[in-house]
Amino acid sequence: MAPERKNLLIVDDDHGFLDLLKDVFRPHNFSITCVDKPTDAVMQSRKKPFDVVLLDYQLPQLNGDQLIAVLQEINPRTRFIVLTGMGGEEIEDKFKGRGYFGFFEKGHIDIQKLRDTILDAFKS
């Protein structure tokens, strides 16, 4: 019996970045869904549960706080990894206890470390 595929949702309004991440994670046995709007993230989350959500904190329509709150209502077990230009301690304080699994500063992302963090989030 094949292992169950893990569901990864990536939310970012930068299409080039979405394409890069999709290419990075394609070799893994993830079911990857990429969206560029928070409203699409909510719609997709209602269709299927996501184990891990990788999201940009600064999004149009809803910011990271608001989007995480909505997605947590849909699936409280989801783990969140936040991409941000903000300071890490501020992000950690905001999301502790809310499925927060880590953050990465945009512009300085170590892709290997990001991949490892996502793999760890799937295991937890």
PDB file of N, CA and C in Angstrom:
ATOM      1  N   MET A   1       0.826  -1.174   0.000  1.00  0.00           N
ATOM      2  CA  MET A   1       0.000   0.000   0.000  1.00  0.00           C
ATOM      3  C   MET A   1       0.881   1.252   0.000  1.00  0.00           C
ATOM      4  N   ALA A   2       0.610   2.181  -0.900  1.00  0.00           N
ATOM      5  CA  ALA A   2       1.406   3.398  -1.024  1.00  0.00           C
ATOM      6  C   ALA A   2       1.137   4.335   0.144  1.00  0.00           C
ATOM      7  N   PRO A   3       2.181   5.051   0.604  1.00  0.00           N
ATOM      8  CA  PRO A   3       1.943   6.007   1.690  1.00  0.00           C
ATOM      9  C   PRO A   3       1.035   7.131   1.230  1.00  0.00           C
ATOM     10  N   GLU A   4       0.281   7.662   2.172  1.00  0.00           N
ATOM     11  CA  GLU A   4      -0.643   8.751   1.864  1.00  0.00           C
ATOM     12  C   GLU A   4       0.147  10.001   1.477  1.00  0.00           C
ATOM     13  N   ARG A   5      -0.289  10.656   0.411  1.00  0.00           N
ATOM     14  CA  ARG A   5       0.368  11.892  -0.016  1.00  0.00           C
ATOM     15  C   ARG A   5       0.022  13.014   0.939  1.00  0.00           C
ATOM     16  N   LYS A   6       1.001  13.820   1.232  1.00  0.00           N
ATOM     17  CA  LYS A   6       0.817  14.976   2.099  1.00  0.00           C
ATOM     18  C   LYS A   6       0.391  16.162   1.253  1.00  0.00           C
ATOM     19  N   ASN A   7      -0.513  16.971   1.780  1.00  0.00           N
ATOM     20  CA  ASN A   7      -1.044  18.132   1.065  1.00  0.00           C
ATOM     21  C   ASN A   7      -0.356  19.409   1.525  1.00  0.00           C
ATOM     22  N   LEU A   8       0.260  20.097   0.563  1.00  0.00           N
ATOM     23  CA  LEU A   8       0.957  21.357   0.804  1.00  0.00           C
ATOM     24  C   LEU A   8       0.255  22.464   0.035  1.00  0.00           C
ATOM     25  N   LEU A   9      -0.106  23.528   0.740  1.00  0.00           N
ATOM     26  CA  LEU A   9      -0.691  24.708   0.113  1.00  0.00           C
ATOM     27  C   LEU A   9       0.331  25.833   0.208  1.00  0.00           C
ATOM     28  N   ILE A  10       0.618  26.464  -0.937  1.00  0.00           N
ATOM     29  CA  ILE A  10       1.533  27.597  -0.976  1.00  0.00           C
ATOM     30  C   ILE A  10       0.729  28.824  -1.401  1.00  0.00           C
ATOM     31  N   VAL A  11       0.798  29.883  -0.582  1.00  0.00           N
ATOM     32  CA  VAL A  11       0.038  31.111  -0.840  1.00  0.00           C
ATOM     33  C   VAL A  11       1.021  32.269  -0.951  1.00  0.00           C
ATOM     34  N   ASP A  12       1.123  32.834  -2.149  1.00  0.00           N
ATOM     35  CA  ASP A  12       2.005  33.974  -2.366  1.00  0.00           C
ATOM     36  C   ASP A  12       1.535  34.721  -3.602  1.00  0.00           C
ATOM     37  N   ASP A  13       1.558  36.044  -3.557  1.00  0.00           N
ATOM     38  CA  ASP A  13       1.105  36.816  -4.710  1.00  0.00           C
ATOM     39  C   ASP A  13       2.212  37.044  -5.738  1.00  0.00           C
ATOM     40  N   ASP A  14       3.394  36.508  -5.508  1.00  0.00           N
ATOM     41  CA  ASP A  14       4.512  36.585  -6.448  1.00  0.00           C
ATOM     42  C   ASP A  14       4.527  35.299  -7.282  1.00  0.00           C
ATOM     43  N   HIS A  15       4.077  35.383  -8.527  1.00  0.00           N
ATOM     44  CA  HIS A  15       3.945  34.194  -9.376  1.00  0.00           C
ATOM     45  C   HIS A  15       5.291  33.526  -9.661  1.00  0.00           C
ATOM     46  N   GLY A  16       6.347  34.308  -9.820  1.00  0.00           N
ATOM     47  CA  GLY A  16       7.671  33.736 -10.042  1.00  0.00           C
ATOM     48  C   GLY A  16       8.118  32.905  -8.849  1.00  0.00           C
ATOM     49  N   PHE A  17       7.848  33.397  -7.657  1.00  0.00           N
ATOM     50  CA  PHE A  17       8.203  32.678  -6.441  1.00  0.00           C
ATOM     51  C   PHE A  17       7.385  31.401  -6.311  1.00  0.00           C
ATOM     52  N   LEU A  18       6.097  31.470  -6.653  1.00  0.00           N
ATOM     53  CA  LEU A  18       5.252  30.264  -6.635  1.00  0.00           C
ATOM     54  C   LEU A  18       5.820  29.202  -7.572  1.00  0.00           C
ATOM     55  N   ASP A  19       6.215  29.608  -8.776  1.00  0.00           N
ATOM     56  CA  ASP A  19       6.783  28.663  -9.745  1.00  0.00           C
ATOM     57  C   ASP A  19       8.073  28.043  -9.218  1.00  0.00           C
ATOM     58  N   LEU A  20       8.920  28.858  -8.600  1.00  0.00           N
ATOM     59  CA  LEU A  20      10.170  28.353  -8.033  1.00  0.00           C
ATOM     60  C   LEU A  20       9.890  27.306  -6.966  1.00  0.00           C
ATOM     61  N   LEU A  21       8.976  27.617  -6.049  1.00  0.00           N
ATOM     62  CA  LEU A  21       8.660  26.678  -4.970  1.00  0.00           C
ATOM     63  C   LEU A  21       8.036  25.397  -5.508  1.00  0.00           C
ATOM     64  N   LYS A  22       7.187  25.531  -6.493  1.00  0.00           N
ATOM     65  CA  LYS A  22       6.568  24.344  -7.093  1.00  0.00           C
ATOM     66  C   LYS A  22       7.649  23.422  -7.670  1.00  0.00           C
ATOM     67  N   ASP A  23       8.639  24.015  -8.338  1.00  0.00           N
ATOM     68  CA  ASP A  23       9.739  23.227  -8.906  1.00  0.00           C
ATOM     69  C   ASP A  23      10.582  22.572  -7.817  1.00  0.00           C
ATOM     70  N   VAL A  24      10.822  23.291  -6.720  1.00  0.00           N
ATOM     71  CA  VAL A  24      11.627  22.762  -5.615  1.00  0.00           C
ATOM     72  C   VAL A  24      10.961  21.551  -4.975  1.00  0.00           C
ATOM     73  N   PHE A  25       9.644  21.616  -4.799  1.00  0.00           N
ATOM     74  CA  PHE A  25       8.947  20.559  -4.076  1.00  0.00           C
ATOM     75  C   PHE A  25       8.359  19.473  -4.968  1.00  0.00           C
ATOM     76  N   ARG A  26       8.394  19.662  -6.268  1.00  0.00           N
ATOM     77  CA  ARG A  26       7.836  18.679  -7.196  1.00  0.00           C
ATOM     78  C   ARG A  26       8.425  17.271  -7.014  1.00  0.00           C
ATOM     79  N   PRO A  27       9.746  17.112  -6.781  1.00  0.00           N
ATOM     80  CA  PRO A  27      10.293  15.749  -6.632  1.00  0.00           C
ATOM     81  C   PRO A  27       9.793  14.989  -5.401  1.00  0.00           C
ATOM     82  N   HIS A  28       9.245  15.703  -4.436  1.00  0.00           N
ATOM     83  CA  HIS A  28       8.735  15.049  -3.228  1.00  0.00           C
ATOM     84  C   HIS A  28       7.331  14.519  -3.487  1.00  0.00           C
ATOM     85  N   ASN A  29       6.913  13.624  -2.652  1.00  0.00           N
ATOM     86  CA  ASN A  29       5.592  13.026  -2.812  1.00  0.00           C
ATOM     87  C   ASN A  29       4.525  13.887  -2.137  1.00  0.00           C
ATOM     88  N   PHE A  30       4.511  15.177  -2.488  1.00  0.00           N
ATOM     89  CA  PHE A  30       3.514  16.103  -1.959  1.00  0.00           C
ATOM     90  C   PHE A  30       2.451  16.324  -3.010  1.00  0.00           C
ATOM     91  N   SER A  31       1.264  16.574  -2.555  1.00  0.00           N
ATOM     92  CA  SER A  31       0.232  17.129  -3.421  1.00  0.00           C
ATOM     93  C   SER A  31       0.320  18.640  -3.199  1.00  0.00           C
ATOM     94  N   ILE A  32       0.779  19.371  -4.210  1.00  0.00           N
ATOM     95  CA  ILE A  32       1.040  20.800  -4.070  1.00  0.00           C
ATOM     96  C   ILE A  32      -0.064  21.608  -4.741  1.00  0.00           C
ATOM     97  N   THR A  33      -0.607  22.552  -3.992  1.00  0.00           N
ATOM     98  CA  THR A  33      -1.579  23.502  -4.519  1.00  0.00           C
ATOM     99  C   THR A  33      -0.994  24.884  -4.314  1.00  0.00           C
ATOM    100  N   CYS A  34      -0.930  25.679  -5.384  1.00  0.00           N
ATOM    101  CA  CYS A  34      -0.409  27.040  -5.306  1.00  0.00           C
ATOM    102  C   CYS A  34      -1.518  28.021  -5.644  1.00  0.00           C
ATOM    103  N   VAL A  35      -1.653  29.043  -4.819  1.00  0.00           N
ATOM    104  CA  VAL A  35      -2.638  30.092  -5.065  1.00  0.00           C
ATOM    105  C   VAL A  35      -1.985  31.447  -4.814  1.00  0.00           C
ATOM    106  N   ASP A  36      -2.535  32.488  -5.473  1.00  0.00           N
ATOM    107  CA  ASP A  36      -1.963  33.818  -5.315  1.00  0.00           C
ATOM    108  C   ASP A  36      -2.864  34.783  -4.554  1.00  0.00           C
ATOM    109  N   LYS A  37      -3.991  34.281  -4.064  1.00  0.00           N
ATOM    110  CA  LYS A  37      -4.922  35.125  -3.304  1.00  0.00           C
ATOM    111  C   LYS A  37      -5.376  34.383  -2.047  1.00  0.00           C
ATOM    112  N   PRO A  38      -5.516  35.106  -0.948  1.00  0.00           N
ATOM    113  CA  PRO A  38      -6.015  34.473   0.278  1.00  0.00           C
ATOM    114  C   PRO A  38      -7.399  33.851   0.106  1.00  0.00           C
ATOM    115  N   THR A  39      -8.252  34.488  -0.686  1.00  0.00           N
ATOM    116  CA  THR A  39      -9.598  33.935  -0.883  1.00  0.00           C
ATOM    117  C   THR A  39      -9.528  32.572  -1.568  1.00  0.00           C
ATOM    118  N   ASP A  40      -8.566  32.407  -2.478  1.00  0.00           N
ATOM    119  CA  ASP A  40      -8.383  31.107  -3.133  1.00  0.00           C
ATOM    120  C   ASP A  40      -7.845  30.077  -2.141  1.00  0.00           C
ATOM    121  N   ALA A  41      -6.997  30.522  -1.201  1.00  0.00           N
ATOM    122  CA  ALA A  41      -6.482  29.612  -0.166  1.00  0.00           C
ATOM    123  C   ALA A  41      -7.626  29.075   0.690  1.00  0.00           C
ATOM    124  N   VAL A  42      -8.556  29.958   1.038  1.00  0.00           N
ATOM    125  CA  VAL A  42      -9.710  29.545   1.842  1.00  0.00           C
ATOM    126  C   VAL A  42     -10.566  28.564   1.051  1.00  0.00           C
ATOM    127  N   MET A  43     -10.822  28.875  -0.211  1.00  0.00           N
ATOM    128  CA  MET A  43     -11.638  28.007  -1.056  1.00  0.00           C
ATOM    129  C   MET A  43     -10.996  26.615  -1.201  1.00  0.00           C
ATOM    130  N   GLN A  44      -9.693  26.578  -1.445  1.00  0.00           N
ATOM    131  CA  GLN A  44      -9.000  25.295  -1.594  1.00  0.00           C
ATOM    132  C   GLN A  44      -9.008  24.508  -0.285  1.00  0.00           C
ATOM    133  N   SER A  45      -8.865  25.207   0.845  1.00  0.00           N
ATOM    134  CA  SER A  45      -8.853  24.542   2.148  1.00  0.00           C
ATOM    135  C   SER A  45     -10.202  23.930   2.495  1.00  0.00           C
ATOM    136  N   ARG A  46     -11.247  24.491   1.942  1.00  0.00           N
ATOM    137  CA  ARG A  46     -12.576  23.907   2.165  1.00  0.00           C
ATOM    138  C   ARG A  46     -12.778  22.656   1.318  1.00  0.00           C
ATOM    139  N   LYS A  47     -12.021  22.535   0.231  1.00  0.00           N
ATOM    140  CA  LYS A  47     -12.130  21.357  -0.644  1.00  0.00           C
ATOM    141  C   LYS A  47     -11.360  20.164  -0.102  1.00  0.00           C
ATOM    142  N   LYS A  48     -10.187  20.423   0.492  1.00  0.00           N
ATOM    143  CA  LYS A  48      -9.384  19.330   1.044  1.00  0.00           C
ATOM    144  C   LYS A  48      -8.520  19.848   2.172  1.00  0.00           C
ATOM    145  N   PRO A  49      -8.211  18.997   3.136  1.00  0.00           N
ATOM    146  CA  PRO A  49      -7.381  19.445   4.259  1.00  0.00           C
ATOM    147  C   PRO A  49      -5.912  19.539   3.842  1.00  0.00           C
ATOM    148  N   PHE A  50      -5.255  20.595   4.258  1.00  0.00           N
ATOM    149  CA  PHE A  50      -3.828  20.751   4.000  1.00  0.00           C
ATOM    150  C   PHE A  50      -3.071  20.491   5.290  1.00  0.00           C
ATOM    151  N   ASP A  51      -2.028  19.675   5.167  1.00  0.00           N
ATOM    152  CA  ASP A  51      -1.182  19.365   6.316  1.00  0.00           C
ATOM    153  C   ASP A  51      -0.312  20.564   6.678  1.00  0.00           C
ATOM    154  N   VAL A  52       0.215  21.212   5.624  1.00  0.00           N
ATOM    155  CA  VAL A  52       1.121  22.343   5.807  1.00  0.00           C
ATOM    156  C   VAL A  52       0.712  23.452   4.842  1.00  0.00           C
ATOM    157  N   VAL A  53       0.739  24.690   5.353  1.00  0.00           N
ATOM    158  CA  VAL A  53       0.494  25.862   4.522  1.00  0.00           C
ATOM    159  C   VAL A  53       1.721  26.762   4.636  1.00  0.00           C
ATOM    160  N   LEU A  54       2.301  27.075   3.491  1.00  0.00           N
ATOM    161  CA  LEU A  54       3.413  28.004   3.392  1.00  0.00           C
ATOM    162  C   LEU A  54       2.831  29.293   2.838  1.00  0.00           C
ATOM    163  N   LEU A  55       2.887  30.384   3.625  1.00  0.00           N
ATOM    164  CA  LEU A  55       2.225  31.590   3.156  1.00  0.00           C
ATOM    165  C   LEU A  55       3.045  32.841   3.376  1.00  0.00           C
ATOM    166  N   ASP A  56       2.856  33.753   2.436  1.00  0.00           N
ATOM    167  CA  ASP A  56       3.430  35.081   2.541  1.00  0.00           C
ATOM    168  C   ASP A  56       2.607  35.851   3.570  1.00  0.00           C
ATOM    169  N   TYR A  57       3.260  36.555   4.465  1.00  0.00           N
ATOM    170  CA  TYR A  57       2.535  37.292   5.495  1.00  0.00           C
ATOM    171  C   TYR A  57       1.815  38.505   4.921  1.00  0.00           C
ATOM    172  N   GLN A  58       2.442  39.186   3.974  1.00  0.00           N
ATOM    173  CA  GLN A  58       1.861  40.387   3.375  1.00  0.00           C
ATOM    174  C   GLN A  58       1.116  40.014   2.104  1.00  0.00           C
ATOM    175  N   LEU A  59      -0.181  39.816   2.220  1.00  0.00           N
ATOM    176  CA  LEU A  59      -1.010  39.438   1.080  1.00  0.00           C
ATOM    177  C   LEU A  59      -2.111  40.471   0.883  1.00  0.00           C
ATOM    178  N   PRO A  60      -2.584  40.616  -0.352  1.00  0.00           N
ATOM    179  CA  PRO A  60      -3.727  41.505  -0.560  1.00  0.00           C
ATOM    180  C   PRO A  60      -4.992  40.873   0.045  1.00  0.00           C
ATOM    181  N   GLN A  61      -5.911  41.665   0.446  1.00  0.00           N
ATOM    182  CA  GLN A  61      -7.214  41.256   0.983  1.00  0.00           C
ATOM    183  C   GLN A  61      -7.134  40.814   2.443  1.00  0.00           C
ATOM    184  N   LEU A  62      -6.307  39.852   2.763  1.00  0.00           N
ATOM    185  CA  LEU A  62      -6.140  39.374   4.142  1.00  0.00           C
ATOM    186  C   LEU A  62      -4.652  39.313   4.452  1.00  0.00           C
ATOM    187  N   ASN A  63      -4.247  39.736   5.654  1.00  0.00           N
ATOM    188  CA  ASN A  63      -2.840  39.553   6.017  1.00  0.00           C
ATOM    189  C   ASN A  63      -2.659  38.159   6.625  1.00  0.00           C
ATOM    190  N   GLY A  64      -1.444  37.835   6.986  1.00  0.00           N
ATOM    191  CA  GLY A  64      -1.149  36.509   7.532  1.00  0.00           C
ATOM    192  C   GLY A  64      -1.962  36.158   8.760  1.00  0.00           C
ATOM    193  N   ASP A  65      -2.149  37.132   9.672  1.00  0.00           N
ATOM    194  CA  ASP A  65      -2.951  36.889  10.881  1.00  0.00           C
ATOM    195  C   ASP A  65      -4.358  36.427  10.525  1.00  0.00           C
ATOM    196  N   GLN A  66      -4.975  37.200   9.647  1.00  0.00           N
ATOM    197  CA  GLN A  66      -6.365  36.926   9.283  1.00  0.00           C
ATOM    198  C   GLN A  66      -6.499  35.601   8.535  1.00  0.00           C
ATOM    199  N   LEU A  67      -5.590  35.353   7.603  1.00  0.00           N
ATOM    200  CA  LEU A  67      -5.671  34.123   6.822  1.00  0.00           C
ATOM    201  C   LEU A  67      -5.448  32.895   7.703  1.00  0.00           C
ATOM    202  N   ILE A  68      -4.462  32.955   8.577  1.00  0.00           N
ATOM    203  CA  ILE A  68      -4.216  31.816   9.467  1.00  0.00           C
ATOM    204  C   ILE A  68      -5.430  31.560  10.348  1.00  0.00           C
ATOM    205  N   ALA A  69      -6.054  32.613  10.853  1.00  0.00           N
ATOM    206  CA  ALA A  69      -7.245  32.445  11.706  1.00  0.00           C
ATOM    207  C   ALA A  69      -8.353  31.719  10.941  1.00  0.00           C
ATOM    208  N   VAL A  70      -8.587  32.098   9.698  1.00  0.00           N
ATOM    209  CA  VAL A  70      -9.642  31.466   8.896  1.00  0.00           C
ATOM    210  C   VAL A  70      -9.272  30.015   8.590  1.00  0.00           C
ATOM    211  N   LEU A  71      -8.021  29.783   8.191  1.00  0.00           N
ATOM    212  CA  LEU A  71      -7.608  28.416   7.837  1.00  0.00           C
ATOM    213  C   LEU A  71      -7.596  27.502   9.064  1.00  0.00           C
ATOM    214  N   GLN A  72      -7.287  28.047  10.243  1.00  0.00           N
ATOM    215  CA  GLN A  72      -7.314  27.260  11.477  1.00  0.00           C
ATOM    216  C   GLN A  72      -8.731  26.819  11.817  1.00  0.00           C
ATOM    217  N   GLU A  73      -9.715  27.670  11.518  1.00  0.00           N
ATOM    218  CA  GLU A  73     -11.107  27.290  11.744  1.00  0.00           C
ATOM    219  C   GLU A  73     -11.499  26.126  10.840  1.00  0.00           C
ATOM    220  N   ILE A  74     -10.976  26.115   9.633  1.00  0.00           N
ATOM    221  CA  ILE A  74     -11.298  25.061   8.678  1.00  0.00           C
ATOM    222  C   ILE A  74     -10.605  23.758   9.066  1.00  0.00           C
ATOM    223  N   ASN A  75      -9.318  23.838   9.418  1.00  0.00           N
ATOM    224  CA  ASN A  75      -8.567  22.639   9.797  1.00  0.00           C
ATOM    225  C   ASN A  75      -7.583  22.997  10.914  1.00  0.00           C
ATOM    226  N   PRO A  76      -7.946  22.735  12.163  1.00  0.00           N
ATOM    227  CA  PRO A  76      -7.083  23.097  13.293  1.00  0.00           C
ATOM    228  C   PRO A  76      -5.741  22.369  13.328  1.00  0.00           C
ATOM    229  N   ARG A  77      -5.581  21.305  12.566  1.00  0.00           N
ATOM    230  CA  ARG A  77      -4.323  20.545  12.583  1.00  0.00           C
ATOM    231  C   ARG A  77      -3.282  21.056  11.594  1.00  0.00           C
ATOM    232  N   THR A  78      -3.640  22.012  10.781  1.00  0.00           N
ATOM    233  CA  THR A  78      -2.715  22.549   9.786  1.00  0.00           C
ATOM    234  C   THR A  78      -1.520  23.207  10.466  1.00  0.00           C
ATOM    235  N   ARG A  79      -0.324  22.973   9.905  1.00  0.00           N
ATOM    236  CA  ARG A  79       0.905  23.628  10.352  1.00  0.00           C
ATOM    237  C   ARG A  79       1.203  24.763   9.382  1.00  0.00           C
ATOM    238  N   PHE A  80       1.654  25.913   9.913  1.00  0.00           N
ATOM    239  CA  PHE A  80       1.904  27.089   9.091  1.00  0.00           C
ATOM    240  C   PHE A  80       3.368  27.478   9.115  1.00  0.00           C
ATOM    241  N   ILE A  81       3.885  27.762   7.942  1.00  0.00           N
ATOM    242  CA  ILE A  81       5.229  28.312   7.794  1.00  0.00           C
ATOM    243  C   ILE A  81       5.037  29.652   7.094  1.00  0.00           C
ATOM    244  N   VAL A  82       5.543  30.705   7.727  1.00  0.00           N
ATOM    245  CA  VAL A  82       5.284  32.068   7.269  1.00  0.00           C
ATOM    246  C   VAL A  82       6.519  32.634   6.576  1.00  0.00           C
ATOM    247  N   LEU A  83       6.290  33.257   5.418  1.00  0.00           N
ATOM    248  CA  LEU A  83       7.330  33.980   4.702  1.00  0.00           C
ATOM    249  C   LEU A  83       7.099  35.462   4.966  1.00  0.00           C
ATOM    250  N   THR A  84       8.136  36.170   5.373  1.00  0.00           N
ATOM    251  CA  THR A  84       7.922  37.557   5.767  1.00  0.00           C
ATOM    252  C   THR A  84       9.166  38.412   5.602  1.00  0.00           C
ATOM    253  N   GLY A  85       8.942  39.689   5.532  1.00  0.00           N
ATOM    254  CA  GLY A  85      10.011  40.657   5.595  1.00  0.00           C
ATOM    255  C   GLY A  85      10.104  41.247   6.993  1.00  0.00           C
ATOM    256  N   MET A  86       9.179  40.847   7.863  1.00  0.00           N
ATOM    257  CA  MET A  86       9.132  41.329   9.242  1.00  0.00           C
ATOM    258  C   MET A  86      10.122  40.550  10.100  1.00  0.00           C
ATOM    259  N   GLY A  87      10.353  41.044  11.308  1.00  0.00           N
ATOM    260  CA  GLY A  87      11.236  40.363  12.241  1.00  0.00           C
ATOM    261  C   GLY A  87      10.669  39.039  12.705  1.00  0.00           C
ATOM    262  N   GLY A  88      11.516  38.070  12.911  1.00  0.00           N
ATOM    263  CA  GLY A  88      11.103  36.727  13.292  1.00  0.00           C
ATOM    264  C   GLY A  88      10.457  36.621  14.652  1.00  0.00           C
ATOM    265  N   GLU A  89      10.974  37.354  15.646  1.00  0.00           N
ATOM    266  CA  GLU A  89      10.407  37.264  16.988  1.00  0.00           C
ATOM    267  C   GLU A  89       8.966  37.755  16.999  1.00  0.00           C
ATOM    268  N   GLU A  90       8.686  38.804  16.253  1.00  0.00           N
ATOM    269  CA  GLU A  90       7.325  39.331  16.184  1.00  0.00           C
ATOM    270  C   GLU A  90       6.380  38.281  15.594  1.00  0.00           C
ATOM    271  N   ILE A  91       6.817  37.610  14.546  1.00  0.00           N
ATOM    272  CA  ILE A  91       6.003  36.560  13.913  1.00  0.00           C
ATOM    273  C   ILE A  91       5.812  35.403  14.882  1.00  0.00           C
ATOM    274  N   GLU A  92       6.881  34.960  15.532  1.00  0.00           N
ATOM    275  CA  GLU A  92       6.768  33.841  16.472  1.00  0.00           C
ATOM    276  C   GLU A  92       5.789  34.161  17.590  1.00  0.00           C
ATOM    277  N   ASP A  93       5.858  35.375  18.132  1.00  0.00           N
ATOM    278  CA  ASP A  93       4.948  35.759  19.213  1.00  0.00           C
ATOM    279  C   ASP A  93       3.495  35.772  18.746  1.00  0.00           C
ATOM    280  N   LYS A  94       3.244  36.247  17.528  1.00  0.00           N
ATOM    281  CA  LYS A  94       1.878  36.322  17.008  1.00  0.00           C
ATOM    282  C   LYS A  94       1.246  34.950  16.825  1.00  0.00           C
ATOM    283  N   PHE A  95       2.047  33.977  16.395  1.00  0.00           N
ATOM    284  CA  PHE A  95       1.464  32.720  15.960  1.00  0.00           C
ATOM    285  C   PHE A  95       1.693  31.535  16.895  1.00  0.00           C
ATOM    286  N   LYS A  96       2.383  31.736  18.003  1.00  0.00           N
ATOM    287  CA  LYS A  96       2.591  30.627  18.950  1.00  0.00           C
ATOM    288  C   LYS A  96       1.257  30.017  19.333  1.00  0.00           C
ATOM    289  N   GLY A  97       1.187  28.703  19.291  1.00  0.00           N
ATOM    290  CA  GLY A  97      -0.023  28.007  19.681  1.00  0.00           C
ATOM    291  C   GLY A  97      -1.102  27.995  18.611  1.00  0.00           C
ATOM    292  N   ARG A  98      -0.791  28.506  17.442  1.00  0.00           N
ATOM    293  CA  ARG A  98      -1.787  28.567  16.375  1.00  0.00           C
ATOM    294  C   ARG A  98      -1.344  27.759  15.155  1.00  0.00           C
ATOM    295  N   GLY A  99      -0.619  26.690  15.364  1.00  0.00           N
ATOM    296  CA  GLY A  99      -0.172  25.879  14.240  1.00  0.00           C
ATOM    297  C   GLY A  99       1.083  26.405  13.585  1.00  0.00           C
ATOM    298  N   TYR A 100       1.695  27.426  14.195  1.00  0.00           N
ATOM    299  CA  TYR A 100       2.908  28.023  13.653  1.00  0.00           C
ATOM    300  C   TYR A 100       4.048  27.027  13.725  1.00  0.00           C
ATOM    301  N   PHE A 101       4.758  26.855  12.616  1.00  0.00           N
ATOM    302  CA  PHE A 101       5.862  25.913  12.607  1.00  0.00           C
ATOM    303  C   PHE A 101       7.193  26.578  12.283  1.00  0.00           C
ATOM    304  N   GLY A 102       7.169  27.765  11.735  1.00  0.00           N
ATOM    305  CA  GLY A 102       8.418  28.448  11.444  1.00  0.00           C
ATOM    306  C   GLY A 102       8.200  29.638  10.539  1.00  0.00           C
ATOM    307  N   PHE A 103       9.263  30.412  10.366  1.00  0.00           N
ATOM    308  CA  PHE A 103       9.189  31.540   9.461  1.00  0.00           C
ATOM    309  C   PHE A 103      10.494  31.640   8.677  1.00  0.00           C
ATOM    310  N   PHE A 104      10.401  32.268   7.535  1.00  0.00           N
ATOM    311  CA  PHE A 104      11.562  32.538   6.705  1.00  0.00           C
ATOM    312  C   PHE A 104      11.474  33.965   6.225  1.00  0.00           C
ATOM    313  N   GLU A 105      12.595  34.656   6.268  1.00  0.00           N
ATOM    314  CA  GLU A 105      12.640  36.037   5.818  1.00  0.00           C
ATOM    315  C   GLU A 105      12.779  36.055   4.304  1.00  0.00           C
ATOM    316  N   LYS A 106      11.811  36.689   3.660  1.00  0.00           N
ATOM    317  CA  LYS A 106      11.829  36.777   2.201  1.00  0.00           C
ATOM    318  C   LYS A 106      13.078  37.516   1.757  1.00  0.00           C
ATOM    319  N   GLY A 107      13.661  37.049   0.683  1.00  0.00           N
ATOM    320  CA  GLY A 107      14.879  37.654   0.173  1.00  0.00           C
ATOM    321  C   GLY A 107      16.125  36.970   0.697  1.00  0.00           C
ATOM    322  N   HIS A 108      15.991  36.172   1.770  1.00  0.00           N
ATOM    323  CA  HIS A 108      17.140  35.475   2.361  1.00  0.00           C
ATOM    324  C   HIS A 108      16.778  34.020   2.656  1.00  0.00           C
ATOM    325  N   ILE A 109      16.013  33.402   1.776  1.00  0.00           N
ATOM    326  CA  ILE A 109      15.523  32.053   2.059  1.00  0.00           C
ATOM    327  C   ILE A 109      16.530  31.016   1.595  1.00  0.00           C
ATOM    328  N   ASP A 110      16.913  30.156   2.518  1.00  0.00           N
ATOM    329  CA  ASP A 110      17.738  28.990   2.212  1.00  0.00           C
ATOM    330  C   ASP A 110      16.755  27.886   1.807  1.00  0.00           C
ATOM    331  N   ILE A 111      16.706  27.583   0.513  1.00  0.00           N
ATOM    332  CA  ILE A 111      15.716  26.636  -0.015  1.00  0.00           C
ATOM    333  C   ILE A 111      15.846  25.262   0.643  1.00  0.00           C
ATOM    334  N   GLN A 112      17.063  24.811   0.898  1.00  0.00           N
ATOM    335  CA  GLN A 112      17.254  23.507   1.555  1.00  0.00           C
ATOM    336  C   GLN A 112      16.654  23.524   2.964  1.00  0.00           C
ATOM    337  N   LYS A 113      16.894  24.610   3.689  1.00  0.00           N
ATOM    338  CA  LYS A 113      16.343  24.712   5.049  1.00  0.00           C
ATOM    339  C   LYS A 113      14.814  24.800   4.996  1.00  0.00           C
ATOM    340  N   LEU A 114      14.277  25.523   4.037  1.00  0.00           N
ATOM    341  CA  LEU A 114      12.827  25.602   3.878  1.00  0.00           C
ATOM    342  C   LEU A 114      12.242  24.222   3.597  1.00  0.00           C
ATOM    343  N   ARG A 115      12.877  23.487   2.688  1.00  0.00           N
ATOM    344  CA  ARG A 115      12.414  22.134   2.370  1.00  0.00           C
ATOM    345  C   ARG A 115      12.463  21.245   3.611  1.00  0.00           C
ATOM    346  N   ASP A 116      13.548  21.325   4.370  1.00  0.00           N
ATOM    347  CA  ASP A 116      13.673  20.519   5.589  1.00  0.00           C
ATOM    348  C   ASP A 116      12.608  20.890   6.625  1.00  0.00           C
ATOM    349  N   THR A 117      12.308  22.187   6.739  1.00  0.00           N
ATOM    350  CA  THR A 117      11.283  22.632   7.684  1.00  0.00           C
ATOM    351  C   THR A 117       9.915  22.109   7.274  1.00  0.00           C
ATOM    352  N   ILE A 118       9.622  22.132   5.990  1.00  0.00           N
ATOM    353  CA  ILE A 118       8.337  21.605   5.509  1.00  0.00           C
ATOM    354  C   ILE A 118       8.263  20.108   5.765  1.00  0.00           C
ATOM    355  N   LEU A 119       9.332  19.384   5.519  1.00  0.00           N
ATOM    356  CA  LEU A 119       9.341  17.939   5.789  1.00  0.00           C
ATOM    357  C   LEU A 119       9.126  17.674   7.276  1.00  0.00           C
ATOM    358  N   ASP A 120       9.760  18.462   8.141  1.00  0.00           N
ATOM    359  CA  ASP A 120       9.560  18.315   9.592  1.00  0.00           C
ATOM    360  C   ASP A 120       8.115  18.629   9.984  1.00  0.00           C
ATOM    361  N   ALA A 121       7.537  19.638   9.359  1.00  0.00           N
ATOM    362  CA  ALA A 121       6.152  19.996   9.668  1.00  0.00           C
ATOM    363  C   ALA A 121       5.204  18.861   9.292  1.00  0.00           C
ATOM    364  N   PHE A 122       5.477  18.187   8.183  1.00  0.00           N
ATOM    365  CA  PHE A 122       4.647  17.054   7.800  1.00  0.00           C
ATOM    366  C   PHE A 122       4.722  15.916   8.815  1.00  0.00           C
ATOM    367  N   LYS A 123       5.870  15.764   9.439  1.00  0.00           N
ATOM    368  CA  LYS A 123       6.077  14.666  10.411  1.00  0.00           C
ATOM    369  C   LYS A 123       5.425  14.950  11.757  1.00  0.00           C
ATOM    370  N   SER A 124       5.220  16.232  12.077  1.00  0.00           N
ATOM    371  CA  SER A 124       4.729  16.564  13.425  1.00  0.00           C
ATOM    372  C   SER A 124       3.220  16.404  13.542  1.00  0.00           C
TER     373      SER A 124
END
